PDB file of N, CA and C in Angstrom:
ATOM      1  N   UNK A   1      19.289 111.890  79.777  1.00  0.00           N
ATOM      2  CA  UNK A   1      19.025 110.435  79.947  1.00  0.00           C
ATOM      3  C   UNK A   1      19.626 110.384  81.790  1.00  0.00           C
ATOM      4  N   UNK A   2      17.976 110.470  82.722  1.00  0.00           N
ATOM      5  CA  UNK A   2      18.207 110.317  83.766  1.00  0.00           C
ATOM      6  C   UNK A   2      18.832 109.285  84.318  1.00  0.00           C
ATOM      7  N   UNK A   3      19.723 108.856  85.678  1.00  0.00           N
ATOM      8  CA  UNK A   3      20.361 107.676  86.021  1.00  0.00           C
ATOM      9  C   UNK A   3      19.368 106.313  86.242  1.00  0.00           C
ATOM     10  N   UNK A   4      18.095 106.627  87.172  1.00  0.00           N
ATOM     11  CA  UNK A   4      17.075 105.774  86.867  1.00  0.00           C
ATOM     12  C   UNK A   4      16.615 105.250  85.163  1.00  0.00           C
ATOM     13  N   UNK A   5      17.242 105.861  84.669  1.00  0.00           N
ATOM     14  CA  UNK A   5      16.530 105.491  83.280  1.00  0.00           C
ATOM     15  C   UNK A   5      17.900 104.263  83.174  1.00  0.00           C
ATOM     16  N   UNK A   6      18.926 104.654  82.891  1.00  0.00           N
ATOM     17  CA  UNK A   6      20.724 104.036  83.112  1.00  0.00           C
ATOM     18  C   UNK A   6      20.075 102.590  84.027  1.00  0.00           C
ATOM     19  N   UNK A   7      19.664 102.581  84.997  1.00  0.00           N
ATOM     20  CA  UNK A   7      19.431 101.603  85.843  1.00  0.00           C
ATOM     21  C   UNK A   7      18.316 100.781  85.106  1.00  0.00           C
ATOM     22  N   UNK A   8      17.362 101.525  84.607  1.00  0.00           N
ATOM     23  CA  UNK A   8      15.972 100.880  83.872  1.00  0.00           C
ATOM     24  C   UNK A   8      16.732  99.866  83.050  1.00  0.00           C
ATOM     25  N   UNK A   9      17.729 100.049  81.940  1.00  0.00           N
ATOM     26  CA  UNK A   9      17.936  99.754  81.328  1.00  0.00           C
ATOM     27  C   UNK A   9      19.157  98.225  82.160  1.00  0.00           C
ATOM     28  N   UNK A  10      19.562  98.069  82.697  1.00  0.00           N
ATOM     29  CA  UNK A  10      21.028  97.657  82.995  1.00  0.00           C
ATOM     30  C   UNK A  10      19.482  96.323  83.870  1.00  0.00           C
ATOM     31  N   UNK A  11      18.840  96.661  84.441  1.00  0.00           N
ATOM     32  CA  UNK A  11      17.372  95.908  84.717  1.00  0.00           C
ATOM     33  C   UNK A  11      16.971  94.832  84.143  1.00  0.00           C
ATOM     34  N   UNK A  12      17.012  95.645  82.203  1.00  0.00           N
ATOM     35  CA  UNK A  12      16.427  94.867  81.286  1.00  0.00           C
ATOM     36  C   UNK A  12      17.341  93.546  80.949  1.00  0.00           C
ATOM     37  N   UNK A  13      18.781  94.264  80.539  1.00  0.00           N
ATOM     38  CA  UNK A  13      19.699  93.259  80.368  1.00  0.00           C
ATOM     39  C   UNK A  13      19.688  92.017  80.869  1.00  0.00           C
ATOM     40  N   UNK A  14      19.870  91.906  82.776  1.00  0.00           N
ATOM     41  CA  UNK A  14      19.769  91.247  83.587  1.00  0.00           C
ATOM     42  C   UNK A  14      17.866  90.241  82.909  1.00  0.00           C
ATOM     43  N   UNK A  15      17.051  90.877  82.801  1.00  0.00           N
ATOM     44  CA  UNK A  15      16.140  90.497  82.591  1.00  0.00           C
ATOM     45  C   UNK A  15      16.236  89.485  80.957  1.00  0.00           C
ATOM     46  N   UNK A  16      16.833  90.426  80.077  1.00  0.00           N
ATOM     47  CA  UNK A  16      16.743  89.765  78.658  1.00  0.00           C
ATOM     48  C   UNK A  16      17.688  88.030  79.122  1.00  0.00           C
ATOM     49  N   UNK A  17      18.881  88.144  80.089  1.00  0.00           N
ATOM     50  CA  UNK A  17      19.014  86.477  80.178  1.00  0.00           C
ATOM     51  C   UNK A  17      17.918  85.562  81.056  1.00  0.00           C
ATOM     52  N   UNK A  18      17.664  85.954  82.100  1.00  0.00           N
ATOM     53  CA  UNK A  18      16.508  85.512  82.971  1.00  0.00           C
ATOM     54  C   UNK A  18      15.784  84.566  82.494  1.00  0.00           C
ATOM     55  N   UNK A  19      15.206  85.506  81.065  1.00  0.00           N
ATOM     56  CA  UNK A  19      13.916  85.177  80.549  1.00  0.00           C
ATOM     57  C   UNK A  19      14.182  84.586  78.561  1.00  0.00           C
ATOM     58  N   UNK A  20      15.635  84.352  78.879  1.00  0.00           N
ATOM     59  CA  UNK A  20      16.267  83.925  77.770  1.00  0.00           C
ATOM     60  C   UNK A  20      15.606  84.957  76.323  1.00  0.00           C
ATOM     61  N   UNK A  21      15.555  86.396  76.135  1.00  0.00           N
ATOM     62  CA  UNK A  21      14.774  86.903  75.020  1.00  0.00           C
ATOM     63  C   UNK A  21      15.934  87.777  74.780  1.00  0.00           C
ATOM     64  N   UNK A  22      15.888  87.365  73.385  1.00  0.00           N
ATOM     65  CA  UNK A  22      17.067  87.997  72.500  1.00  0.00           C
ATOM     66  C   UNK A  22      16.291  89.761  72.171  1.00  0.00           C
ATOM     67  N   UNK A  23      15.083  89.588  71.962  1.00  0.00           N
ATOM     68  CA  UNK A  23      14.595  90.762  71.746  1.00  0.00           C
ATOM     69  C   UNK A  23      15.170  91.951  72.333  1.00  0.00           C
ATOM     70  N   UNK A  24      15.321  91.660  74.148  1.00  0.00           N
ATOM     71  CA  UNK A  24      15.276  92.702  74.604  1.00  0.00           C
ATOM     72  C   UNK A  24      16.601  93.409  74.298  1.00  0.00           C
ATOM     73  N   UNK A  25      17.627  92.254  74.053  1.00  0.00           N
ATOM     74  CA  UNK A  25      19.072  93.037  73.613  1.00  0.00           C
ATOM     75  C   UNK A  25      18.432  93.439  72.795  1.00  0.00           C
ATOM     76  N   UNK A  26      18.060  93.461  71.754  1.00  0.00           N
ATOM     77  CA  UNK A  26      17.671  94.284  70.446  1.00  0.00           C
ATOM     78  C   UNK A  26      17.658  95.273  70.848  1.00  0.00           C
ATOM     79  N   UNK A  27      15.924  95.765  71.655  1.00  0.00           N
ATOM     80  CA  UNK A  27      15.869  96.568  72.076  1.00  0.00           C
ATOM     81  C   UNK A  27      16.956  97.784  72.885  1.00  0.00           C
ATOM     82  N   UNK A  28      17.863  97.023  73.536  1.00  0.00           N
ATOM     83  CA  UNK A  28      18.732  98.300  74.731  1.00  0.00           C
ATOM     84  C   UNK A  28      19.334  98.836  73.961  1.00  0.00           C
ATOM     85  N   UNK A  29      20.418  97.670  72.384  1.00  0.00           N
ATOM     86  CA  UNK A  29      21.891  98.201  72.207  1.00  0.00           C
ATOM     87  C   UNK A  29      21.128  99.141  70.145  1.00  0.00           C
ATOM     88  N   UNK A  30      22.115 100.029  70.734  1.00  0.00           N
ATOM     89  CA  UNK A  30      21.389 100.547  68.697  1.00  0.00           C
ATOM     90  C   UNK A  30      22.387  99.780  68.008  1.00  0.00           C
ATOM     91  N   UNK A  31      21.760 100.820  66.843  1.00  0.00           N
ATOM     92  CA  UNK A  31      22.138  99.167  65.643  1.00  0.00           C
ATOM     93  C   UNK A  31      23.212  99.273  65.116  1.00  0.00           C
ATOM     94  N   UNK A  32      24.427 100.424  65.905  1.00  0.00           N
ATOM     95  CA  UNK A  32      25.732 100.524  65.426  1.00  0.00           C
ATOM     96  C   UNK A  32      26.660 100.332  66.977  1.00  0.00           C
ATOM     97  N   UNK A  33      25.674  99.698  67.404  1.00  0.00           N
ATOM     98  CA  UNK A  33      26.739  99.792  68.822  1.00  0.00           C
ATOM     99  C   UNK A  33      28.144  98.677  68.623  1.00  0.00           C
ATOM    100  N   UNK A  34      28.876  98.653  69.416  1.00  0.00           N
ATOM    101  CA  UNK A  34      30.269  98.385  70.274  1.00  0.00           C
ATOM    102  C   UNK A  34      30.052  97.428  71.420  1.00  0.00           C
ATOM    103  N   UNK A  35      30.307  95.992  70.880  1.00  0.00           N
ATOM    104  CA  UNK A  35      30.289  95.618  72.124  1.00  0.00           C
ATOM    105  C   UNK A  35      31.534  94.846  72.590  1.00  0.00           C
ATOM    106  N   UNK A  36      32.113  94.994  73.250  1.00  0.00           N
ATOM    107  CA  UNK A  36      33.576  94.326  73.970  1.00  0.00           C
ATOM    108  C   UNK A  36      33.450  93.511  75.111  1.00  0.00           C
ATOM    109  N   UNK A  37      33.925  92.450  75.046  1.00  0.00           N
ATOM    110  CA  UNK A  37      33.541  91.241  76.474  1.00  0.00           C
ATOM    111  C   UNK A  37      34.218  90.276  75.578  1.00  0.00           C
ATOM    112  N   UNK A  38      35.478  90.522  76.881  1.00  0.00           N
ATOM    113  CA  UNK A  38      36.536  91.547  78.086  1.00  0.00           C
ATOM    114  C   UNK A  38      36.881  91.906  77.065  1.00  0.00           C
ATOM    115  N   UNK A  39      37.210  93.139  77.872  1.00  0.00           N
ATOM    116  CA  UNK A  39      37.806  94.396  77.321  1.00  0.00           C
ATOM    117  C   UNK A  39      39.186  94.024  76.287  1.00  0.00           C
ATOM    118  N   UNK A  40      39.668  94.076  75.768  1.00  0.00           N
ATOM    119  CA  UNK A  40      40.876  93.679  74.951  1.00  0.00           C
ATOM    120  C   UNK A  40      40.843  93.036  74.324  1.00  0.00           C
ATOM    121  N   UNK A  41      39.187  91.727  73.480  1.00  0.00           N
ATOM    122  CA  UNK A  41      39.198  91.452  72.507  1.00  0.00           C
ATOM    123  C   UNK A  41      38.489  92.078  71.868  1.00  0.00           C
ATOM    124  N   UNK A  42      38.583  91.277  70.452  1.00  0.00           N
ATOM    125  CA  UNK A  42      38.046  91.815  69.736  1.00  0.00           C
ATOM    126  C   UNK A  42      36.414  92.362  69.608  1.00  0.00           C
ATOM    127  N   UNK A  43      35.805  93.448  69.612  1.00  0.00           N
ATOM    128  CA  UNK A  43      34.870  93.588  69.477  1.00  0.00           C
ATOM    129  C   UNK A  43      33.851  93.558  68.428  1.00  0.00           C
ATOM    130  N   UNK A  44      32.770  93.511  68.657  1.00  0.00           N
ATOM    131  CA  UNK A  44      31.479  92.856  67.878  1.00  0.00           C
ATOM    132  C   UNK A  44      30.600  94.212  67.674  1.00  0.00           C
ATOM    133  N   UNK A  45      30.523  94.656  66.694  1.00  0.00           N
ATOM    134  CA  UNK A  45      30.719  96.024  66.431  1.00  0.00           C
ATOM    135  C   UNK A  45      29.525  96.185  64.980  1.00  0.00           C
ATOM    136  N   UNK A  46      28.542  96.837  65.423  1.00  0.00           N
ATOM    137  CA  UNK A  46      26.892  96.948  64.398  1.00  0.00           C
ATOM    138  C   UNK A  46      25.853  95.681  65.480  1.00  0.00           C
ATOM    139  N   UNK A  47      24.640  95.486  64.755  1.00  0.00           N
ATOM    140  CA  UNK A  47      23.109  94.896  65.906  1.00  0.00           C
ATOM    141  C   UNK A  47      24.075  93.641  65.182  1.00  0.00           C
ATOM    142  N   UNK A  48      24.306  93.144  63.884  1.00  0.00           N
ATOM    143  CA  UNK A  48      24.173  91.597  63.864  1.00  0.00           C
ATOM    144  C   UNK A  48      25.552  90.763  64.314  1.00  0.00           C
ATOM    145  N   UNK A  49      27.064  91.573  64.852  1.00  0.00           N
ATOM    146  CA  UNK A  49      27.953  90.881  65.375  1.00  0.00           C
ATOM    147  C   UNK A  49      26.936  91.085  66.696  1.00  0.00           C
ATOM    148  N   UNK A  50      26.563  91.777  67.539  1.00  0.00           N
ATOM    149  CA  UNK A  50      25.805  91.552  68.896  1.00  0.00           C
ATOM    150  C   UNK A  50      25.085  90.545  68.680  1.00  0.00           C
ATOM    151  N   UNK A  51      23.797  90.426  68.012  1.00  0.00           N
ATOM    152  CA  UNK A  51      22.901  89.371  67.866  1.00  0.00           C
ATOM    153  C   UNK A  51      23.528  88.236  67.775  1.00  0.00           C
ATOM    154  N   UNK A  52      25.071  87.438  67.130  1.00  0.00           N
ATOM    155  CA  UNK A  52      25.943  86.535  67.188  1.00  0.00           C
ATOM    156  C   UNK A  52      26.618  85.918  68.071  1.00  0.00           C
ATOM    157  N   UNK A  53      27.227  87.677  68.737  1.00  0.00           N
ATOM    158  CA  UNK A  53      27.499  86.945  70.130  1.00  0.00           C
ATOM    159  C   UNK A  53      26.979  86.410  71.315  1.00  0.00           C
ATOM    160  N   UNK A  54      25.364  87.283  71.599  1.00  0.00           N
ATOM    161  CA  UNK A  54      24.108  87.119  72.791  1.00  0.00           C
ATOM    162  C   UNK A  54      23.267  85.826  72.306  1.00  0.00           C
ATOM    163  N   UNK A  55      23.945  85.319  70.797  1.00  0.00           N
ATOM    164  CA  UNK A  55      22.802  84.368  71.127  1.00  0.00           C
ATOM    165  C   UNK A  55      23.778  82.915  71.347  1.00  0.00           C
ATOM    166  N   UNK A  56      25.212  83.195  71.928  1.00  0.00           N
ATOM    167  CA  UNK A  56      25.675  82.220  72.653  1.00  0.00           C
ATOM    168  C   UNK A  56      25.287  81.696  73.571  1.00  0.00           C
ATOM    169  N   UNK A  57      24.530  83.396  74.359  1.00  0.00           N
ATOM    170  CA  UNK A  57      24.664  82.852  75.832  1.00  0.00           C
ATOM    171  C   UNK A  57      23.469  83.626  76.609  1.00  0.00           C
ATOM    172  N   UNK A  58      22.532  84.572  75.584  1.00  0.00           N
ATOM    173  CA  UNK A  58      20.968  84.113  76.295  1.00  0.00           C
ATOM    174  C   UNK A  58      19.975  83.570  76.159  1.00  0.00           C
ATOM    175  N   UNK A  59      20.568  82.697  75.290  1.00  0.00           N
ATOM    176  CA  UNK A  59      19.360  81.198  75.035  1.00  0.00           C
ATOM    177  C   UNK A  59      19.972  80.173  75.960  1.00  0.00           C
ATOM    178  N   UNK A  60      20.753  80.471  76.802  1.00  0.00           N
ATOM    179  CA  UNK A  60      21.488  79.246  77.217  1.00  0.00           C
ATOM    180  C   UNK A  60      21.427  79.150  78.638  1.00  0.00           C
ATOM    181  N   UNK A  61      22.757  77.932  79.230  1.00  0.00           N
ATOM    182  CA  UNK A  61      23.005  78.288  80.781  1.00  0.00           C
ATOM    183  C   UNK A  61      22.940  79.429  81.150  1.00  0.00           C
ATOM    184  N   UNK A  62      23.180  80.794  80.794  1.00  0.00           N
ATOM    185  CA  UNK A  62      23.515  81.636  82.001  1.00  0.00           C
ATOM    186  C   UNK A  62      22.958  82.335  82.341  1.00  0.00           C
ATOM    187  N   UNK A  63      22.740  82.960  83.117  1.00  0.00           N
ATOM    188  CA  UNK A  63      22.182  83.626  84.191  1.00  0.00           C
ATOM    189  C   UNK A  63      23.219  84.810  84.934  1.00  0.00           C
ATOM    190  N   UNK A  64      22.572  86.113  84.957  1.00  0.00           N
ATOM    191  CA  UNK A  64      23.328  86.908  86.144  1.00  0.00           C
ATOM    192  C   UNK A  64      22.586  87.810  86.618  1.00  0.00           C
ATOM    193  N   UNK A  65      23.305  88.135  87.851  1.00  0.00           N
ATOM    194  CA  UNK A  65      23.088  88.058  89.484  1.00  0.00           C
ATOM    195  C   UNK A  65      23.146  89.453  89.267  1.00  0.00           C
ATOM    196  N   UNK A  66      22.931  90.524  89.877  1.00  0.00           N
ATOM    197  CA  UNK A  66      23.881  92.436  89.964  1.00  0.00           C
ATOM    198  C   UNK A  66      24.027  91.877  91.519  1.00  0.00           C
ATOM    199  N   UNK A  67      25.678  92.545  92.119  1.00  0.00           N
ATOM    200  CA  UNK A  67      26.241  91.981  92.991  1.00  0.00           C
ATOM    201  C   UNK A  67      26.861  93.725  93.800  1.00  0.00           C
ATOM    202  N   UNK A  68      26.406  94.550  93.477  1.00  0.00           N
ATOM    203  CA  UNK A  68      25.511  95.508  93.730  1.00  0.00           C
ATOM    204  C   UNK A  68      25.205  96.588  93.061  1.00  0.00           C
ATOM    205  N   UNK A  69      25.567  97.888  93.370  1.00  0.00           N
ATOM    206  CA  UNK A  69      24.350  99.143  93.278  1.00  0.00           C
ATOM    207  C   UNK A  69      25.267  99.664  91.740  1.00  0.00           C
ATOM    208  N   UNK A  70      24.281  99.515  91.072  1.00  0.00           N
ATOM    209  CA  UNK A  70      24.744 100.542  89.448  1.00  0.00           C
ATOM    210  C   UNK A  70      25.365 102.142  89.603  1.00  0.00           C
ATOM    211  N   UNK A  71      25.585 102.527  89.219  1.00  0.00           N
ATOM    212  CA  UNK A  71      26.705 103.648  89.736  1.00  0.00           C
ATOM    213  C   UNK A  71      26.742 104.207  87.619  1.00  0.00           C
ATOM    214  N   UNK A  72      26.223 105.927  88.225  1.00  0.00           N
ATOM    215  CA  UNK A  72      25.439 106.503  86.917  1.00  0.00           C
ATOM    216  C   UNK A  72      26.977 107.511  86.884  1.00  0.00           C
ATOM    217  N   UNK A  73      27.597 108.481  85.830  1.00  0.00           N
ATOM    218  CA  UNK A  73      28.064 109.113  85.635  1.00  0.00           C
ATOM    219  C   UNK A  73      28.242 109.447  84.845  1.00  0.00           C
ATOM    220  N   UNK A  74      27.553 110.971  84.072  1.00  0.00           N
ATOM    221  CA  UNK A  74      27.580 111.120  82.368  1.00  0.00           C
ATOM    222  C   UNK A  74      26.618 110.892  81.632  1.00  0.00           C
ATOM    223  N   UNK A  75      27.194 109.824  80.446  1.00  0.00           N
ATOM    224  CA  UNK A  75      26.304 109.238  79.714  1.00  0.00           C
ATOM    225  C   UNK A  75      26.414 107.848  79.928  1.00  0.00           C
ATOM    226  N   UNK A  76      26.661 106.875  81.389  1.00  0.00           N
ATOM    227  CA  UNK A  76      27.546 105.607  81.319  1.00  0.00           C
ATOM    228  C   UNK A  76      26.620 105.384  82.946  1.00  0.00           C
ATOM    229  N   UNK A  77      26.923 104.085  82.753  1.00  0.00           N
ATOM    230  CA  UNK A  77      26.062 103.320  84.198  1.00  0.00           C
ATOM    231  C   UNK A  77      27.192 102.258  84.393  1.00  0.00           C
ATOM    232  N   UNK A  78      28.205 101.948  85.211  1.00  0.00           N
ATOM    233  CA  UNK A  78      29.029 101.086  85.560  1.00  0.00           C
ATOM    234  C   UNK A  78      28.076  99.835  86.663  1.00  0.00           C
ATOM    235  N   UNK A  79      28.080  98.820  86.306  1.00  0.00           N
ATOM    236  CA  UNK A  79      27.522  97.550  87.457  1.00  0.00           C
ATOM    237  C   UNK A  79      28.526  96.051  87.503  1.00  0.00           C
ATOM    238  N   UNK A  80      28.425  95.959  88.888  1.00  0.00           N
ATOM    239  CA  UNK A  80      29.058  94.532  88.576  1.00  0.00           C
ATOM    240  C   UNK A  80      27.810  93.908  89.170  1.00  0.00           C
ATOM    241  N   UNK A  81      28.181  92.119  88.126  1.00  0.00           N
ATOM    242  CA  UNK A  81      27.027  91.074  88.637  1.00  0.00           C
ATOM    243  C   UNK A  81      28.096  89.841  88.310  1.00  0.00           C
ATOM    244  N   UNK A  82      27.541  88.726  88.663  1.00  0.00           N
ATOM    245  CA  UNK A  82      27.782  87.253  88.530  1.00  0.00           C
ATOM    246  C   UNK A  82      27.213  86.924  87.584  1.00  0.00           C
ATOM    247  N   UNK A  83      28.011  86.184  86.202  1.00  0.00           N
ATOM    248  CA  UNK A  83      27.490  85.404  85.384  1.00  0.00           C
ATOM    249  C   UNK A  83      27.676  84.009  86.102  1.00  0.00           C
ATOM    250  N   UNK A  84      26.827  83.352  85.438  1.00  0.00           N
ATOM    251  CA  UNK A  84      26.587  81.758  86.993  1.00  0.00           C
ATOM    252  C   UNK A  84      26.144  81.373  84.965  1.00  0.00           C
ATOM    253  N   UNK A  85      27.473  80.136  85.166  1.00  0.00           N
ATOM    254  CA  UNK A  85      26.902  79.489  83.548  1.00  0.00           C
ATOM    255  C   UNK A  85      26.437  78.536  84.386  1.00  0.00           C
ATOM    256  N   UNK A  86      25.386  77.450  84.098  1.00  0.00           N
ATOM    257  CA  UNK A  86      25.482  75.811  84.505  1.00  0.00           C
ATOM    258  C   UNK A  86      25.651  75.811  85.889  1.00  0.00           C
ATOM    259  N   UNK A  87      25.842  74.855  86.959  1.00  0.00           N
ATOM    260  CA  UNK A  87      25.850  74.960  88.334  1.00  0.00           C
ATOM    261  C   UNK A  87      27.760  75.369  88.659  1.00  0.00           C
ATOM    262  N   UNK A  88      28.526  75.432  87.553  1.00  0.00           N
ATOM    263  CA  UNK A  88      29.851  75.212  87.910  1.00  0.00           C
ATOM    264  C   UNK A  88      30.738  76.317  87.763  1.00  0.00           C
ATOM    265  N   UNK A  89      30.381  77.413  87.078  1.00  0.00           N
ATOM    266  CA  UNK A  89      31.581  78.792  86.810  1.00  0.00           C
ATOM    267  C   UNK A  89      29.803  79.661  86.964  1.00  0.00           C
ATOM    268  N   UNK A  90      31.077  80.911  88.224  1.00  0.00           N
ATOM    269  CA  UNK A  90      30.694  81.826  88.321  1.00  0.00           C
ATOM    270  C   UNK A  90      31.714  82.947  87.824  1.00  0.00           C
ATOM    271  N   UNK A  91      31.530  83.941  87.346  1.00  0.00           N
ATOM    272  CA  UNK A  91      31.988  84.772  87.134  1.00  0.00           C
ATOM    273  C   UNK A  91      31.953  86.176  87.736  1.00  0.00           C
ATOM    274  N   UNK A  92      32.911  86.416  88.386  1.00  0.00           N
ATOM    275  CA  UNK A  92      32.618  88.338  88.339  1.00  0.00           C
ATOM    276  C   UNK A  92      32.994  89.178  87.595  1.00  0.00           C
ATOM    277  N   UNK A  93      31.851  90.501  87.367  1.00  0.00           N
ATOM    278  CA  UNK A  93      31.793  91.099  85.963  1.00  0.00           C
ATOM    279  C   UNK A  93      31.904  92.601  86.510  1.00  0.00           C
ATOM    280  N   UNK A  94      32.269  93.228  85.852  1.00  0.00           N
ATOM    281  CA  UNK A  94      32.091  94.640  85.693  1.00  0.00           C
ATOM    282  C   UNK A  94      31.256  94.904  84.755  1.00  0.00           C
ATOM    283  N   UNK A  95      30.325  95.739  84.149  1.00  0.00           N
ATOM    284  CA  UNK A  95      29.869  96.136  82.602  1.00  0.00           C
ATOM    285  C   UNK A  95      30.115  97.828  82.737  1.00  0.00           C
ATOM    286  N   UNK A  96      30.314  98.186  81.887  1.00  0.00           N
ATOM    287  CA  UNK A  96      29.814  99.405  81.807  1.00  0.00           C
ATOM    288  C   UNK A  96      29.190  99.995  80.444  1.00  0.00           C
ATOM    289  N   UNK A  97      28.318 100.094  80.540  1.00  0.00           N
ATOM    290  CA  UNK A  97      27.203 101.055  79.080  1.00  0.00           C
ATOM    291  C   UNK A  97      27.205 102.196  78.824  1.00  0.00           C
ATOM    292  N   UNK A  98      27.796 103.025  77.588  1.00  0.00           N
ATOM    293  CA  UNK A  98      27.662 103.940  76.986  1.00  0.00           C
ATOM    294  C   UNK A  98      26.106 104.280  76.546  1.00  0.00           C
ATOM    295  N   UNK A  99      25.204 104.941  77.114  1.00  0.00           N
ATOM    296  CA  UNK A  99      24.453 105.357  75.605  1.00  0.00           C
ATOM    297  C   UNK A  99      24.434 106.489  74.745  1.00  0.00           C
ATOM    298  N   UNK A 100      23.907 106.565  73.915  1.00  0.00           N
ATOM    299  CA  UNK A 100      22.931 107.947  72.715  1.00  0.00           C
ATOM    300  C   UNK A 100      22.047 108.856  73.495  1.00  0.00           C
ATOM    301  N   UNK A 101      21.849 109.895  72.990  1.00  0.00           N
ATOM    302  CA  UNK A 101      20.752 110.501  73.363  1.00  0.00           C
ATOM    303  C   UNK A 101      19.318 110.014  73.048  1.00  0.00           C
ATOM    304  N   UNK A 102      19.020 108.809  72.241  1.00  0.00           N
ATOM    305  CA  UNK A 102      17.934 107.938  72.182  1.00  0.00           C
ATOM    306  C   UNK A 102      18.061 107.100  73.358  1.00  0.00           C
ATOM    307  N   UNK A 103      18.806 106.989  74.398  1.00  0.00           N
ATOM    308  CA  UNK A 103      18.953 105.666  75.256  1.00  0.00           C
ATOM    309  C   UNK A 103      19.056 104.862  75.070  1.00  0.00           C
ATOM    310  N   UNK A 104      20.087 104.796  73.987  1.00  0.00           N
ATOM    311  CA  UNK A 104      20.269 103.132  73.446  1.00  0.00           C
ATOM    312  C   UNK A 104      21.710 103.052  73.679  1.00  0.00           C
ATOM    313  N   UNK A 105      21.779 101.206  74.129  1.00  0.00           N
ATOM    314  CA  UNK A 105      23.701 101.250  74.244  1.00  0.00           C
ATOM    315  C   UNK A 105      24.249 101.551  73.922  1.00  0.00           C
ATOM    316  N   UNK A 106      24.972 102.257  73.467  1.00  0.00           N
ATOM    317  CA  UNK A 106      26.115 102.317  71.685  1.00  0.00           C
ATOM    318  C   UNK A 106      27.492 101.697  72.027  1.00  0.00           C
ATOM    319  N   UNK A 107      27.862 101.183  73.195  1.00  0.00           N
ATOM    320  CA  UNK A 107      29.164 100.616  74.191  1.00  0.00           C
ATOM    321  C   UNK A 107      29.267  99.809  75.228  1.00  0.00           C
ATOM    322  N   UNK A 108      29.646  99.073  75.081  1.00  0.00           N
ATOM    323  CA  UNK A 108      29.396  97.497  76.484  1.00  0.00           C
ATOM    324  C   UNK A 108      30.287  97.357  76.603  1.00  0.00           C
ATOM    325  N   UNK A 109      31.342  97.757  76.842  1.00  0.00           N
ATOM    326  CA  UNK A 109      32.639  97.210  77.831  1.00  0.00           C
ATOM    327  C   UNK A 109      32.518  96.284  79.094  1.00  0.00           C
ATOM    328  N   UNK A 110      33.117  94.847  78.968  1.00  0.00           N
ATOM    329  CA  UNK A 110      32.393  93.927  80.221  1.00  0.00           C
ATOM    330  C   UNK A 110      34.517  93.902  80.315  1.00  0.00           C
ATOM    331  N   UNK A 111      34.426  94.129  81.978  1.00  0.00           N
ATOM    332  CA  UNK A 111      35.295  93.777  82.826  1.00  0.00           C
ATOM    333  C   UNK A 111      36.437  92.689  83.168  1.00  0.00           C
ATOM    334  N   UNK A 112      35.990  91.973  82.765  1.00  0.00           N
ATOM    335  CA  UNK A 112      36.786  90.219  83.554  1.00  0.00           C
ATOM    336  C   UNK A 112      37.676  89.618  83.547  1.00  0.00           C
ATOM    337  N   UNK A 113      38.210  88.365  84.044  1.00  0.00           N
ATOM    338  CA  UNK A 113      38.601  87.434  83.142  1.00  0.00           C
ATOM    339  C   UNK A 113      38.816  86.218  84.098  1.00  0.00           C
ATOM    340  N   UNK A 114      39.002  85.070  83.290  1.00  0.00           N
ATOM    341  CA  UNK A 114      38.761  83.714  84.313  1.00  0.00           C
ATOM    342  C   UNK A 114      40.253  83.519  85.568  1.00  0.00           C
TER     343      UNK A 114
END
């Protein structure tokens, strides 16, 4: 998977929030993916758990804004962004996506704290 393809997935992830589009989330993650958001919390394993996790934020008042250039290495991409929730909350985050050979995200780890 080329860097341009990994960055395209990052942009689709941002788009999912902008459009409140759960179909994009379902499309970019592998069915057996693991989401750890934030790192150190209980992981969400498998598509049903991932869908339940994202149902709380994708259709809601959260938008994502890239704050820097995504960086690719190996089978992964790391990208800094702000999650803006409503008018009052802005969280600075760095996500790391790891991909399988099919180009699906198999691991998402989010680094942030309040």
